[in-house]
N, C-alpha and C. Protein backbone atom coordinates (compact mmCIF):
# COMPACT_ATOMS: atom_id res chain seq x y z
N UNK A 1 12.89 23.71 110.06
CA UNK A 1 14.01 24.77 110.77
C UNK A 1 13.23 25.63 111.42
N UNK A 2 13.47 25.76 112.81
CA UNK A 2 13.61 27.34 114.08
C UNK A 2 13.82 28.17 113.38
N UNK A 3 13.51 29.62 114.44
CA UNK A 3 14.10 30.53 113.84
C UNK A 3 15.51 30.37 114.04
N UNK A 4 15.68 29.82 115.34
CA UNK A 4 17.23 29.85 115.32
C UNK A 4 18.04 29.09 114.61
N UNK A 5 17.16 27.98 114.13
CA UNK A 5 18.56 27.41 113.10
C UNK A 5 18.54 28.27 111.81
N UNK A 6 17.67 29.25 111.44
CA UNK A 6 17.54 29.88 110.27
C UNK A 6 18.67 31.06 110.46
N UNK A 7 18.95 31.75 111.90
CA UNK A 7 19.69 32.45 111.90
C UNK A 7 21.07 32.09 112.03
N UNK A 8 21.41 31.18 112.52
CA UNK A 8 22.87 30.44 112.56
C UNK A 8 23.11 29.89 111.46
N UNK A 9 22.03 29.13 110.22
CA UNK A 9 22.64 29.01 108.84
C UNK A 9 22.78 30.53 108.34
N UNK A 10 22.33 31.55 108.57
CA UNK A 10 22.36 33.03 107.76
C UNK A 10 23.43 33.31 108.47
N UNK A 11 24.45 33.39 109.75
CA UNK A 11 25.03 33.45 110.15
C UNK A 11 26.47 32.92 109.33
N UNK A 12 26.42 31.60 109.36
CA UNK A 12 27.71 30.40 108.36
C UNK A 12 27.69 31.06 107.24
N UNK A 13 26.44 31.49 106.36
CA UNK A 13 26.82 31.56 105.16
C UNK A 13 27.67 33.44 105.31
N UNK A 14 27.20 34.13 105.80
CA UNK A 14 27.67 35.24 105.74
C UNK A 14 29.14 35.48 106.11
N UNK A 15 29.60 34.37 106.95
CA UNK A 15 31.09 34.12 106.95
C UNK A 15 31.66 33.44 105.91
N UNK A 16 31.14 32.70 105.23
CA UNK A 16 31.67 31.80 103.85
C UNK A 16 31.31 33.05 102.74
N UNK A 17 30.36 33.83 102.46
CA UNK A 17 30.10 34.80 101.73
C UNK A 17 31.30 35.57 101.02
N UNK A 18 32.13 36.14 102.33
CA UNK A 18 33.40 36.99 102.14
C UNK A 18 34.24 36.34 101.32
N UNK A 19 34.64 34.88 101.57
CA UNK A 19 35.26 33.89 100.83
C UNK A 19 35.41 33.50 99.28
N UNK A 20 34.22 34.07 99.23
CA UNK A 20 33.47 33.62 97.69
C UNK A 20 34.01 34.65 96.60
N UNK A 21 34.73 34.43 95.29
CA UNK A 21 34.68 35.15 94.17
C UNK A 21 33.27 35.89 93.61
N UNK A 22 33.24 37.33 93.29
CA UNK A 22 32.06 37.31 92.54
C UNK A 22 31.94 36.70 91.57
N UNK A 23 30.34 36.25 91.76
CA UNK A 23 30.20 35.75 90.39
C UNK A 23 30.53 34.02 90.12
N UNK A 24 30.95 33.58 91.07
CA UNK A 24 31.42 32.44 91.73
C UNK A 24 30.59 31.44 91.10
N UNK A 25 31.25 30.11 90.48
CA UNK A 25 30.57 29.24 90.51
C UNK A 25 31.15 28.07 91.44
N UNK A 26 29.81 27.73 92.23
CA UNK A 26 29.73 26.95 93.84
C UNK A 26 29.09 25.76 93.54
N UNK A 27 29.72 24.84 94.28
CA UNK A 27 29.27 23.38 94.88
C UNK A 27 29.11 23.75 96.04
N UNK A 28 27.76 23.81 96.57
CA UNK A 28 27.37 23.81 97.87
C UNK A 28 26.94 22.95 98.29
N UNK A 29 27.58 21.73 99.03
CA UNK A 29 27.55 20.32 99.64
C UNK A 29 26.63 21.06 101.07
N UNK A 30 25.53 19.98 101.05
CA UNK A 30 24.23 20.30 102.13
C UNK A 30 23.81 21.90 102.21
N UNK A 31 23.49 21.88 100.83
CA UNK A 31 22.79 23.12 100.49
C UNK A 31 21.38 23.57 100.99
N UNK A 32 20.82 22.18 101.92
CA UNK A 32 19.50 22.35 102.46
C UNK A 32 18.29 22.87 101.62
N UNK A 33 17.96 24.23 101.36
CA UNK A 33 17.45 25.20 100.42
C UNK A 33 17.79 25.73 99.53
N UNK A 34 18.93 26.07 99.33
CA UNK A 34 19.87 26.81 98.78
C UNK A 34 20.23 27.96 99.00
N UNK A 35 20.16 28.63 100.10
CA UNK A 35 19.83 29.77 101.00
C UNK A 35 21.24 30.47 100.37
N UNK A 36 22.47 29.75 100.17
CA UNK A 36 23.75 30.27 100.06
C UNK A 36 23.42 30.86 98.88
N UNK A 37 22.72 30.61 97.96
CA UNK A 37 22.82 30.83 96.42
C UNK A 37 21.99 32.25 96.59
N UNK A 38 20.96 32.20 97.43
CA UNK A 38 20.01 33.15 97.53
C UNK A 38 20.68 34.52 97.98
N UNK A 39 21.41 34.44 98.85
CA UNK A 39 22.35 35.23 99.58
C UNK A 39 23.57 35.79 99.10
N UNK A 40 23.93 35.28 97.64
CA UNK A 40 25.12 35.88 97.26
C UNK A 40 24.95 35.79 95.75
N UNK A 41 25.95 36.40 95.03
CA UNK A 41 25.71 36.35 93.71
C UNK A 41 26.36 35.24 93.01
N UNK A 42 26.54 33.83 93.68
CA UNK A 42 26.86 32.84 93.29
C UNK A 42 26.18 31.82 92.32
N UNK A 43 26.35 31.62 91.08
CA UNK A 43 25.59 30.11 90.52
C UNK A 43 26.46 28.98 90.71
N UNK A 44 25.76 27.95 90.23
CA UNK A 44 26.40 26.40 90.08
C UNK A 44 25.41 25.11 90.80
N UNK A 45 25.79 24.83 91.70
CA UNK A 45 25.06 23.41 92.01
C UNK A 45 25.25 22.89 93.49
N UNK A 46 23.95 22.95 94.06
CA UNK A 46 23.59 22.35 95.73
C UNK A 46 23.15 21.14 95.45
N UNK A 47 23.82 20.21 96.71
CA UNK A 47 23.34 19.21 97.03
C UNK A 47 22.94 18.76 98.31
N UNK A 48 21.84 18.26 98.26
CA UNK A 48 21.51 17.75 100.01
C UNK A 48 20.65 16.63 100.05
N UNK A 49 20.76 15.64 100.67
CA UNK A 49 20.01 14.40 100.75
C UNK A 49 18.57 14.74 101.21
N UNK A 50 18.28 15.80 101.76
CA UNK A 50 17.04 15.95 102.25
C UNK A 50 16.59 17.64 101.71
N UNK A 51 16.68 17.44 100.21
CA UNK A 51 16.62 18.95 99.85
C UNK A 51 15.31 19.35 100.04
N UNK A 52 14.97 20.54 100.64
CA UNK A 52 13.85 21.13 100.87
C UNK A 52 13.10 21.44 99.24
N UNK A 53 11.75 21.55 99.40
CA UNK A 53 11.07 21.80 98.21
C UNK A 53 11.10 23.59 98.06
N UNK A 54 11.61 24.05 96.95
CA UNK A 54 11.92 25.18 97.30
C UNK A 54 11.45 25.82 95.63
N UNK A 55 11.30 26.74 95.23
CA UNK A 55 11.47 27.44 93.84
C UNK A 55 12.68 27.13 93.20
N UNK A 56 12.71 27.41 91.82
CA UNK A 56 13.82 27.11 91.14
C UNK A 56 14.93 28.85 91.37
N UNK A 57 16.00 28.26 91.66
CA UNK A 57 17.16 29.84 91.38
C UNK A 57 17.91 29.92 89.98
N UNK A 58 17.60 31.21 89.62
CA UNK A 58 18.09 31.41 88.19
C UNK A 58 19.73 30.98 88.13
N UNK A 59 20.40 30.07 87.12
CA UNK A 59 22.04 29.79 87.33
C UNK A 59 22.24 28.47 88.38
N UNK A 60 21.15 28.22 88.96
CA UNK A 60 21.68 26.79 89.93
C UNK A 60 20.98 25.54 89.66
N UNK A 61 21.47 24.71 89.96
CA UNK A 61 21.03 23.17 89.93
C UNK A 61 21.10 22.79 91.28
N UNK A 62 19.66 22.35 91.75
CA UNK A 62 19.85 21.61 92.81
C UNK A 62 19.21 20.18 93.04
N UNK A 63 20.13 19.42 93.89
CA UNK A 63 20.09 18.21 93.50
C UNK A 63 20.15 17.35 95.19
N UNK A 64 19.06 16.57 94.93
CA UNK A 64 18.33 15.88 96.03
C UNK A 64 19.30 14.32 96.04
N UNK A 65 20.42 14.59 97.07
CA UNK A 65 20.91 13.17 97.12
C UNK A 65 22.23 13.46 97.59
N UNK A 66 23.06 12.34 97.65
CA UNK A 66 24.40 12.66 98.56
C UNK A 66 25.57 12.72 98.31
N UNK A 67 26.51 13.75 98.72
CA UNK A 67 27.72 13.89 97.90
C UNK A 67 28.83 12.76 98.31
N UNK A 68 29.30 12.40 97.08
CA UNK A 68 29.65 12.59 95.78
C UNK A 68 28.92 11.58 94.91
N UNK A 69 28.33 10.54 95.70
CA UNK A 69 27.76 9.54 94.70
C UNK A 69 26.62 10.22 93.69
N UNK A 70 26.21 10.65 94.40
CA UNK A 70 24.74 11.34 93.62
C UNK A 70 25.09 12.65 92.94
N UNK A 71 26.00 13.23 92.61
CA UNK A 71 26.41 14.27 92.22
C UNK A 71 26.17 13.95 90.48
N UNK A 72 25.68 14.84 89.70
CA UNK A 72 25.54 14.60 88.59
C UNK A 72 27.25 14.46 87.89
N UNK A 73 27.66 14.02 86.78
CA UNK A 73 28.68 13.50 86.44
C UNK A 73 29.19 15.19 85.88
N UNK A 74 30.64 15.41 85.99
CA UNK A 74 30.76 17.17 85.67
C UNK A 74 32.41 16.91 85.26
N UNK A 75 32.50 17.86 84.14
CA UNK A 75 33.75 17.76 84.19
C UNK A 75 34.73 18.29 85.10
N UNK A 76 36.18 18.04 85.04
CA UNK A 76 37.29 18.66 86.08
C UNK A 76 36.82 20.00 86.00
N UNK A 77 37.70 20.86 86.85
CA UNK A 77 37.57 22.06 86.90
C UNK A 77 36.42 22.99 87.05
N UNK A 78 35.01 22.58 87.25
CA UNK A 78 34.01 22.70 86.95
C UNK A 78 33.40 24.00 88.03
N UNK A 79 34.06 24.02 89.30
CA UNK A 79 33.81 25.19 90.11
C UNK A 79 34.82 25.89 90.53
N UNK A 80 34.52 27.15 91.09
CA UNK A 80 35.33 28.32 91.84
C UNK A 80 35.82 27.94 93.00
N UNK A 81 34.75 27.41 93.82
CA UNK A 81 34.79 27.20 94.93
C UNK A 81 33.99 26.22 95.51
N UNK A 82 33.84 25.32 96.65
CA UNK A 82 33.29 24.42 97.21
C UNK A 82 32.74 24.76 98.69
N UNK A 83 31.92 25.07 98.88
CA UNK A 83 31.10 25.17 100.66
C UNK A 83 30.83 23.76 101.05
N UNK A 84 31.02 23.86 102.52
CA UNK A 84 30.53 22.57 103.20
C UNK A 84 30.29 23.50 104.69
N UNK A 85 28.98 23.70 104.63
CA UNK A 85 29.23 24.79 105.90
C UNK A 85 27.90 23.34 107.01
N UNK A 86 28.26 23.38 108.28
CA UNK A 86 28.13 22.49 109.12
C UNK A 86 27.86 21.33 108.54
N UNK A 87 28.74 20.70 107.99
CA UNK A 87 28.66 19.27 107.10
C UNK A 87 29.59 18.10 107.84
N UNK A 88 30.82 18.68 107.89
CA UNK A 88 32.01 17.68 107.63
C UNK A 88 32.08 16.98 109.34
N UNK A 89 31.23 17.59 110.43
CA UNK A 89 30.94 16.88 111.65
C UNK A 89 30.29 15.91 111.37
N UNK A 90 29.69 15.74 110.26
CA UNK A 90 28.56 14.23 110.08
C UNK A 90 29.47 13.30 109.24
N UNK A 91 30.73 13.35 109.27
CA UNK A 91 30.98 12.53 107.83
C UNK A 91 32.53 12.03 108.73
N UNK A 92 32.32 10.66 108.38
CA UNK A 92 33.58 9.68 109.01
C UNK A 92 34.84 10.50 108.60
N UNK A 93 35.99 10.36 109.05
CA UNK A 93 37.07 11.01 108.74
C UNK A 93 37.47 10.35 107.37
N UNK A 94 37.27 9.04 107.40
CA UNK A 94 38.18 7.95 106.28
C UNK A 94 37.36 8.52 105.00
N UNK A 95 36.11 8.89 105.26
CA UNK A 95 35.41 9.48 103.95
C UNK A 95 36.08 10.77 103.68
N UNK A 96 35.87 11.49 104.45
CA UNK A 96 36.67 12.98 104.07
C UNK A 96 37.93 12.81 103.47
N UNK A 97 38.80 11.81 103.38
CA UNK A 97 40.07 11.96 102.58
C UNK A 97 39.70 11.73 101.38
N UNK A 98 38.85 10.94 100.98
CA UNK A 98 38.49 10.82 99.73
C UNK A 98 37.66 11.98 99.21
N UNK A 99 37.11 12.67 100.09
CA UNK A 99 36.52 13.77 99.57
C UNK A 99 37.16 15.04 99.22
N UNK A 100 38.76 14.79 99.86
CA UNK A 100 39.57 15.62 99.20
C UNK A 100 40.16 15.63 98.16
N UNK A 101 39.88 14.48 97.74
CA UNK A 101 40.74 14.40 96.41
C UNK A 101 39.63 14.43 95.25
N UNK A 102 38.31 14.22 95.34
CA UNK A 102 37.31 14.50 94.75
C UNK A 102 36.57 15.95 94.53
N UNK A 103 36.69 16.63 95.89
CA UNK A 103 36.61 18.36 95.53
C UNK A 103 37.80 19.00 94.41
N UNK A 104 38.94 18.45 94.80
CA UNK A 104 40.07 19.21 94.20
C UNK A 104 40.05 19.08 93.02
N UNK A 105 39.34 18.11 92.12
CA UNK A 105 39.23 17.71 90.98
C UNK A 105 38.62 18.69 90.30
N UNK A 106 37.24 18.70 91.73
CA UNK A 106 36.30 19.75 90.82
C UNK A 106 36.53 20.99 90.71
N UNK A 107 37.58 21.36 91.38
CA UNK A 107 37.98 22.73 91.65
C UNK A 107 38.97 23.73 90.35
N UNK A 108 38.79 24.45 90.53
CA UNK A 108 39.72 25.11 89.27
C UNK A 108 41.42 25.27 90.26
N UNK A 109 42.36 25.17 89.57
CA UNK A 109 43.56 25.71 90.65
C UNK A 109 43.34 26.84 91.23
N UNK A 110 44.04 26.76 92.54
CA UNK A 110 43.63 28.04 93.43
C UNK A 110 42.36 28.06 93.95
N UNK A 111 41.27 27.18 93.48
CA UNK A 111 39.76 27.34 93.84
C UNK A 111 39.66 26.98 95.37
N UNK A 112 38.81 27.40 95.73
CA UNK A 112 38.72 27.71 97.32
C UNK A 112 37.68 26.44 97.96
N UNK A 113 37.87 25.62 98.75
CA UNK A 113 37.22 24.97 99.92
C UNK A 113 36.70 25.80 100.98
N UNK A 114 35.67 26.06 101.26
CA UNK A 114 35.08 26.54 102.50
C UNK A 114 34.29 25.63 103.39
N UNK A 115 34.84 25.61 104.86
CA UNK A 115 34.27 24.78 105.53
C UNK A 115 34.09 25.63 107.14
N UNK A 116 32.63 25.15 107.78
CA UNK A 116 32.42 25.64 108.95
C UNK A 116 32.32 24.61 109.64
N UNK A 117 32.96 24.28 110.60
CA UNK A 117 32.45 23.10 111.52
C UNK A 117 32.35 23.63 113.14
N UNK A 118 31.66 23.19 113.89
CA UNK A 118 31.84 23.16 115.40
C UNK A 118 32.41 22.67 116.50
N UNK A 119 32.98 23.68 117.51
CA UNK A 119 34.07 22.93 117.65
C UNK A 119 32.77 21.60 119.03
N UNK A 120 33.80 20.69 119.32
CA UNK A 120 33.00 19.28 120.05
C UNK A 120 32.26 19.56 121.09
N UNK A 121 32.86 21.21 121.77
CA UNK A 121 31.79 21.49 122.96
C UNK A 121 30.46 21.96 122.72
N UNK A 122 30.12 22.11 121.09
CA UNK A 122 28.43 22.59 120.78
C UNK A 122 27.91 21.39 120.74
N UNK A 123 27.99 20.39 120.74
CA UNK A 123 27.43 18.89 121.15
C UNK A 123 26.26 18.96 122.13
N UNK A 124 27.05 19.35 123.40
CA UNK A 124 26.50 19.55 124.80
C UNK A 124 25.77 20.35 124.75
N UNK A 125 25.51 21.96 124.19
CA UNK A 125 24.97 23.07 123.91
C UNK A 125 23.83 22.72 122.99
N UNK A 126 24.21 21.69 121.85
CA UNK A 126 22.90 21.39 120.93
C UNK A 126 21.77 21.05 121.49
N UNK A 127 22.01 19.85 122.65
CA UNK A 127 21.13 18.89 123.17
C UNK A 127 20.32 19.67 123.99
N UNK A 128 21.31 20.50 124.75
CA UNK A 128 20.49 21.39 125.64
C UNK A 128 19.31 21.77 124.79
N UNK A 129 19.72 22.37 123.78
CA UNK A 129 18.94 23.80 122.70
C UNK A 129 17.64 22.87 122.19
N UNK A 130 18.06 21.50 121.84
CA UNK A 130 16.75 20.73 121.58
C UNK A 130 16.05 20.63 122.28
N UNK A 131 16.38 20.42 123.70
CA UNK A 131 15.50 19.87 124.12
C UNK A 131 14.33 20.79 125.13
N UNK A 132 15.10 22.39 124.65
CA UNK A 132 14.05 23.40 124.71
C UNK A 132 13.46 23.68 123.71
N UNK A 133 13.52 23.10 122.39
CA UNK A 133 12.80 22.93 120.83
C UNK A 133 13.24 24.60 120.48
N UNK A 134 14.60 24.90 120.80
CA UNK A 134 14.83 26.32 119.86
C UNK A 134 15.43 25.86 119.24
N UNK A 135 16.00 24.59 118.75
CA UNK A 135 16.77 23.95 117.30
C UNK A 135 16.04 22.65 116.99
N UNK A 136 15.85 22.70 115.81
CA UNK A 136 15.69 21.35 115.37
C UNK A 136 16.75 19.80 115.42
N UNK A 137 17.87 20.40 115.66
CA UNK A 137 18.61 19.35 115.61
C UNK A 137 18.81 18.48 114.86
N UNK A 138 18.43 18.26 113.44
CA UNK A 138 18.58 17.81 112.22
C UNK A 138 19.94 16.94 112.39
N UNK A 139 19.83 15.83 112.12
CA UNK A 139 21.16 15.04 112.52
C UNK A 139 22.31 15.02 113.21
N UNK A 140 21.89 15.44 114.43
CA UNK A 140 22.96 16.02 115.59
C UNK A 140 22.85 14.55 116.15
N UNK A 141 22.43 13.55 115.60
CA UNK A 141 22.90 11.78 116.04
C UNK A 141 24.05 11.67 115.29
N UNK A 142 24.66 12.13 114.38
CA UNK A 142 25.46 12.17 113.48
C UNK A 142 26.93 12.70 114.29
N UNK A 143 26.64 13.65 114.90
CA UNK A 143 28.26 14.22 115.28
C UNK A 143 28.76 13.42 116.27
N UNK A 144 30.18 13.38 115.88
CA UNK A 144 30.83 12.34 116.56
C UNK A 144 32.11 12.65 117.03
N UNK A 145 31.88 14.22 117.91
CA UNK A 145 32.98 14.96 118.39
C UNK A 145 34.09 15.03 117.79
N UNK A 146 33.97 15.45 116.38
CA UNK A 146 35.16 16.05 115.48
C UNK A 146 35.97 16.97 115.70
N UNK A 147 37.22 16.41 115.44
CA UNK A 147 38.10 17.83 115.89
C UNK A 147 37.96 18.46 114.83
N UNK A 148 38.16 20.12 114.82
CA UNK A 148 38.46 20.74 113.53
C UNK A 148 39.58 21.10 112.98
N UNK A 149 40.61 20.69 114.20
CA UNK A 149 41.95 20.69 113.67
C UNK A 149 42.61 19.45 113.19
N UNK A 150 41.70 18.39 112.95
CA UNK A 150 41.91 17.46 111.85
C UNK A 150 41.99 17.71 110.72
N UNK A 151 41.41 18.94 110.20
CA UNK A 151 40.85 19.27 109.05
C UNK A 151 42.60 19.33 108.33
N UNK A 152 43.62 20.06 109.11
CA UNK A 152 44.99 20.33 108.35
C UNK A 152 45.43 19.02 108.13
N UNK A 153 45.11 18.12 108.30
CA UNK A 153 45.61 16.67 108.33
C UNK A 153 45.13 15.99 107.22
N UNK A 154 43.37 16.05 106.61
CA UNK A 154 42.50 16.22 105.71
C UNK A 154 42.80 16.29 104.67
N UNK A 155 42.63 18.13 104.40
CA UNK A 155 42.74 18.60 103.26
C UNK A 155 44.56 19.13 103.21
N UNK A 156 45.69 18.47 102.93
CA UNK A 156 46.63 19.18 103.13
C UNK A 156 47.53 18.43 101.86
N UNK A 157 48.79 18.81 101.70
CA UNK A 157 49.46 19.12 100.44
C UNK A 157 49.79 17.57 99.91
N UNK A 158 49.80 17.19 98.74
CA UNK A 158 49.99 18.34 97.80
C UNK A 158 49.25 18.75 97.09
N UNK A 159 47.68 18.24 97.48
CA UNK A 159 46.01 18.85 96.78
C UNK A 159 45.84 20.37 97.42
N UNK A 160 46.26 20.30 98.86
CA UNK A 160 45.68 21.37 99.71
C UNK A 160 46.59 22.12 99.96
N UNK A 161 46.34 23.45 100.44
CA UNK A 161 47.33 24.43 101.42
C UNK A 161 46.44 25.45 101.97
N UNK A 162 45.96 25.25 103.54
CA UNK A 162 45.50 26.15 104.17
C UNK A 162 45.52 27.51 103.71
N UNK A 163 44.45 28.56 103.69
CA UNK A 163 45.08 29.58 103.30
C UNK A 163 43.96 30.95 104.66
N UNK A 164 43.17 30.20 105.43
CA UNK A 164 42.73 30.63 106.84
C UNK A 164 41.78 30.20 107.55
N UNK A 165 42.33 30.29 108.76
CA UNK A 165 41.41 29.61 110.20
C UNK A 165 40.76 30.45 111.37
N UNK A 166 39.73 31.21 111.04
CA UNK A 166 39.04 31.92 112.14
C UNK A 166 37.83 31.23 113.02
N UNK A 167 38.16 31.96 114.44
CA UNK A 167 36.75 31.12 115.07
C UNK A 167 35.57 32.43 115.05
N UNK A 168 34.31 31.88 115.05
CA UNK A 168 33.30 32.62 115.48
C UNK A 168 32.41 32.10 116.67
N UNK A 169 30.94 32.90 116.45
CA UNK A 169 30.15 32.59 117.47
C UNK A 169 30.65 32.27 118.71
N UNK A 170 31.52 33.22 119.24
CA UNK A 170 32.11 33.13 120.67
C UNK A 170 33.28 31.76 120.85
N UNK A 171 33.88 31.64 119.71
CA UNK A 171 34.60 30.24 119.83
C UNK A 171 33.95 28.87 119.51
N UNK A 172 32.89 29.68 119.30
CA UNK A 172 32.22 27.68 119.54
C UNK A 172 32.24 27.37 117.87
N UNK A 173 32.31 27.81 116.74
CA UNK A 173 32.38 27.88 115.34
C UNK A 173 33.99 28.21 114.99
N UNK A 174 33.96 27.31 113.82
CA UNK A 174 35.59 27.54 112.79
C UNK A 174 34.97 27.57 111.63
N UNK A 175 35.53 28.88 110.94
CA UNK A 175 35.66 28.60 109.49
C UNK A 175 37.52 28.46 109.28
N UNK A 176 37.37 27.29 108.14
CA UNK A 176 38.38 27.40 107.29
C UNK A 176 37.93 27.32 106.05
N UNK A 177 39.19 27.94 105.47
CA UNK A 177 39.20 27.82 104.04
C UNK A 177 40.58 27.08 103.62
N UNK A 178 40.26 26.29 102.46
CA UNK A 178 41.88 25.79 101.97
C UNK A 178 41.75 26.28 100.52
N UNK A 179 42.84 26.27 100.07
CA UNK A 179 42.78 26.47 98.84
C UNK A 179 43.26 25.30 98.00
N UNK A 180 42.89 24.95 96.53
CA UNK A 180 43.88 23.60 95.98
C UNK A 180 45.02 24.19 95.24
N UNK A 181 46.07 23.16 95.93
CA UNK A 181 47.42 24.18 95.70
C UNK A 181 47.81 23.67 93.92
N UNK A 182 48.49 24.24 93.47
CA UNK A 182 48.85 24.39 92.19
C UNK A 182 49.38 23.22 91.87
N UNK A 183 49.37 22.44 90.65
CA UNK A 183 49.88 21.23 89.84
C UNK A 183 51.38 21.42 90.18
N UNK A 184 52.25 20.60 90.73
CA UNK A 184 53.60 20.55 90.92
C UNK A 184 53.92 20.22 88.78
N UNK A 185 55.16 21.16 88.50
CA UNK A 185 55.56 20.76 87.22
C UNK A 185 56.47 19.68 87.57
N UNK A 186 56.60 18.80 86.42
CA UNK A 186 57.15 17.52 86.13
C UNK A 186 58.64 17.53 85.28
N UNK A 187 59.61 16.99 85.66
CA UNK A 187 60.87 17.22 85.01
C UNK A 187 61.01 16.76 83.53
N UNK A 188 61.33 17.64 82.81
CA UNK A 188 61.08 17.24 81.84
C UNK A 188 62.54 15.72 81.22
N UNK A 189 61.80 15.21 80.38
CA UNK A 189 62.80 14.07 79.88
C UNK A 189 63.38 14.12 79.04
N UNK A 190 64.31 13.30 78.38
CA UNK A 190 64.89 13.72 77.32
C UNK A 190 64.00 13.16 75.82
N UNK A 191 63.97 14.44 75.31
CA UNK A 191 63.21 14.86 74.02
C UNK A 191 61.77 15.17 74.15
N UNK A 192 61.40 15.37 75.34
CA UNK A 192 60.08 15.74 75.87
C UNK A 192 59.82 16.96 76.35
N UNK A 193 58.92 17.67 76.17
CA UNK A 193 58.55 19.38 77.06
C UNK A 193 58.30 18.78 78.47
N UNK A 194 58.58 20.19 79.10
CA UNK A 194 57.87 19.92 80.73
C UNK A 194 56.57 19.75 81.13
N UNK A 195 56.00 18.95 81.55
CA UNK A 195 54.62 18.89 81.37
C UNK A 195 54.04 19.36 83.19
N UNK A 196 52.94 19.31 83.02
CA UNK A 196 52.40 19.49 84.61
C UNK A 196 51.38 18.35 84.98
N UNK A 197 51.70 17.54 85.82
CA UNK A 197 50.83 17.01 86.86
C UNK A 197 49.99 17.25 87.79
N UNK A 198 48.62 17.00 87.18
CA UNK A 198 47.82 17.20 88.60
C UNK A 198 47.27 15.93 89.34
N UNK A 199 47.45 16.05 90.45
CA UNK A 199 47.72 14.52 91.39
C UNK A 199 46.32 14.31 91.42
N UNK A 200 45.27 15.39 91.39
CA UNK A 200 43.71 14.72 91.65
C UNK A 200 43.26 14.09 90.61
N UNK A 201 43.50 14.43 89.18
CA UNK A 201 43.57 13.90 88.28
C UNK A 201 43.81 12.54 88.28
N UNK A 202 45.02 12.44 88.57
CA UNK A 202 45.74 11.35 88.44
C UNK A 202 45.14 9.90 89.45
N UNK A 203 44.79 10.57 90.73
CA UNK A 203 44.03 9.74 91.58
C UNK A 203 42.92 10.08 92.01
N UNK A 204 41.76 9.71 91.31
CA UNK A 204 40.49 10.50 91.39
C UNK A 204 40.01 9.62 92.53
N UNK A 205 39.30 10.23 93.61
CA UNK A 205 38.72 9.80 94.73
C UNK A 205 37.29 8.90 94.28
N UNK A 206 36.84 7.91 95.00
CA UNK A 206 35.53 7.34 94.91
C UNK A 206 34.93 7.19 96.02
N UNK A 207 34.86 8.38 96.87
CA UNK A 207 34.00 8.01 98.19
C UNK A 207 32.55 7.87 98.24
N UNK A 208 32.74 7.79 99.36
CA UNK A 208 31.14 7.28 99.61
C UNK A 208 30.74 7.59 101.13
N UNK A 209 29.41 8.39 100.62
CA UNK A 209 28.72 8.96 102.15
C UNK A 209 27.81 9.87 102.32
N UNK A 210 27.06 10.20 102.90
CA UNK A 210 25.93 11.50 103.02
C UNK A 210 26.64 12.50 103.82
N UNK A 211 26.26 13.94 102.76
CA UNK A 211 26.59 15.12 103.15
C UNK A 211 24.95 15.20 104.08
N UNK A 212 25.27 15.99 105.54
CA UNK A 212 24.18 16.69 106.20
C UNK A 212 24.13 17.96 105.73
N UNK A 213 23.17 18.67 105.79
CA UNK A 213 22.61 19.90 105.26
C UNK A 213 23.14 21.05 106.00
N UNK A 214 23.25 21.87 105.77
CA UNK A 214 23.23 23.37 106.29
C UNK A 214 22.09 23.88 107.32
N UNK A 215 21.37 23.09 106.90
CA UNK A 215 20.08 23.21 107.69
C UNK A 215 20.27 23.43 109.64
N UNK A 216 21.60 22.29 109.95
CA UNK A 216 22.04 21.59 111.07
C UNK A 216 22.47 23.45 111.74
N UNK A 217 21.62 23.01 113.21
CA UNK A 217 21.83 24.02 114.06
C UNK A 217 23.67 24.54 114.49
N UNK A 218 24.37 23.60 114.17
CA UNK A 218 25.80 23.70 114.19
C UNK A 218 26.34 24.05 112.90
């Protein structure tokens, strides 16, 4: 990573940090080197296909691999929050639909999914910065002009509700926060008590795809 890559990475993490509950259990998709955990009080799991060699972080498990297929088997509701910073623009939208189900299963009710995603215009700027060797441009070839507004169609009811959308970096980057929607109550049948149906558990996702790392300049 160049100094500019590192600066932009920390800028994204500062935005995400405000959305994390104190002491949250976090799944950081595209963690790179676990910087998010070092800069917050969070503990949990970080996963990245190109995980950097780093010292261990107390309370944190770092996994070299792709989400979700290389994630260790975990019980439902393992995390208070999931972060995917500069990741979703690298993932085909068909796979993100499956991610929506998998992440919902891993989150507690009302748990938060925190996403940063660049505007499509950033691709042109990124290639200029790469030519100037100001950024490393890791996985830049995977960018596919992802439209941030499509997130509202992917992380949607009944599993999700959007809690926040902000722009930063002069409008070139977007912060989205989605909350896992409460499970709807089912109608009680004759002689039975009212129950709760968790759609994420009834329809677990089995997605495939690699997560890009938060070391990305975008």
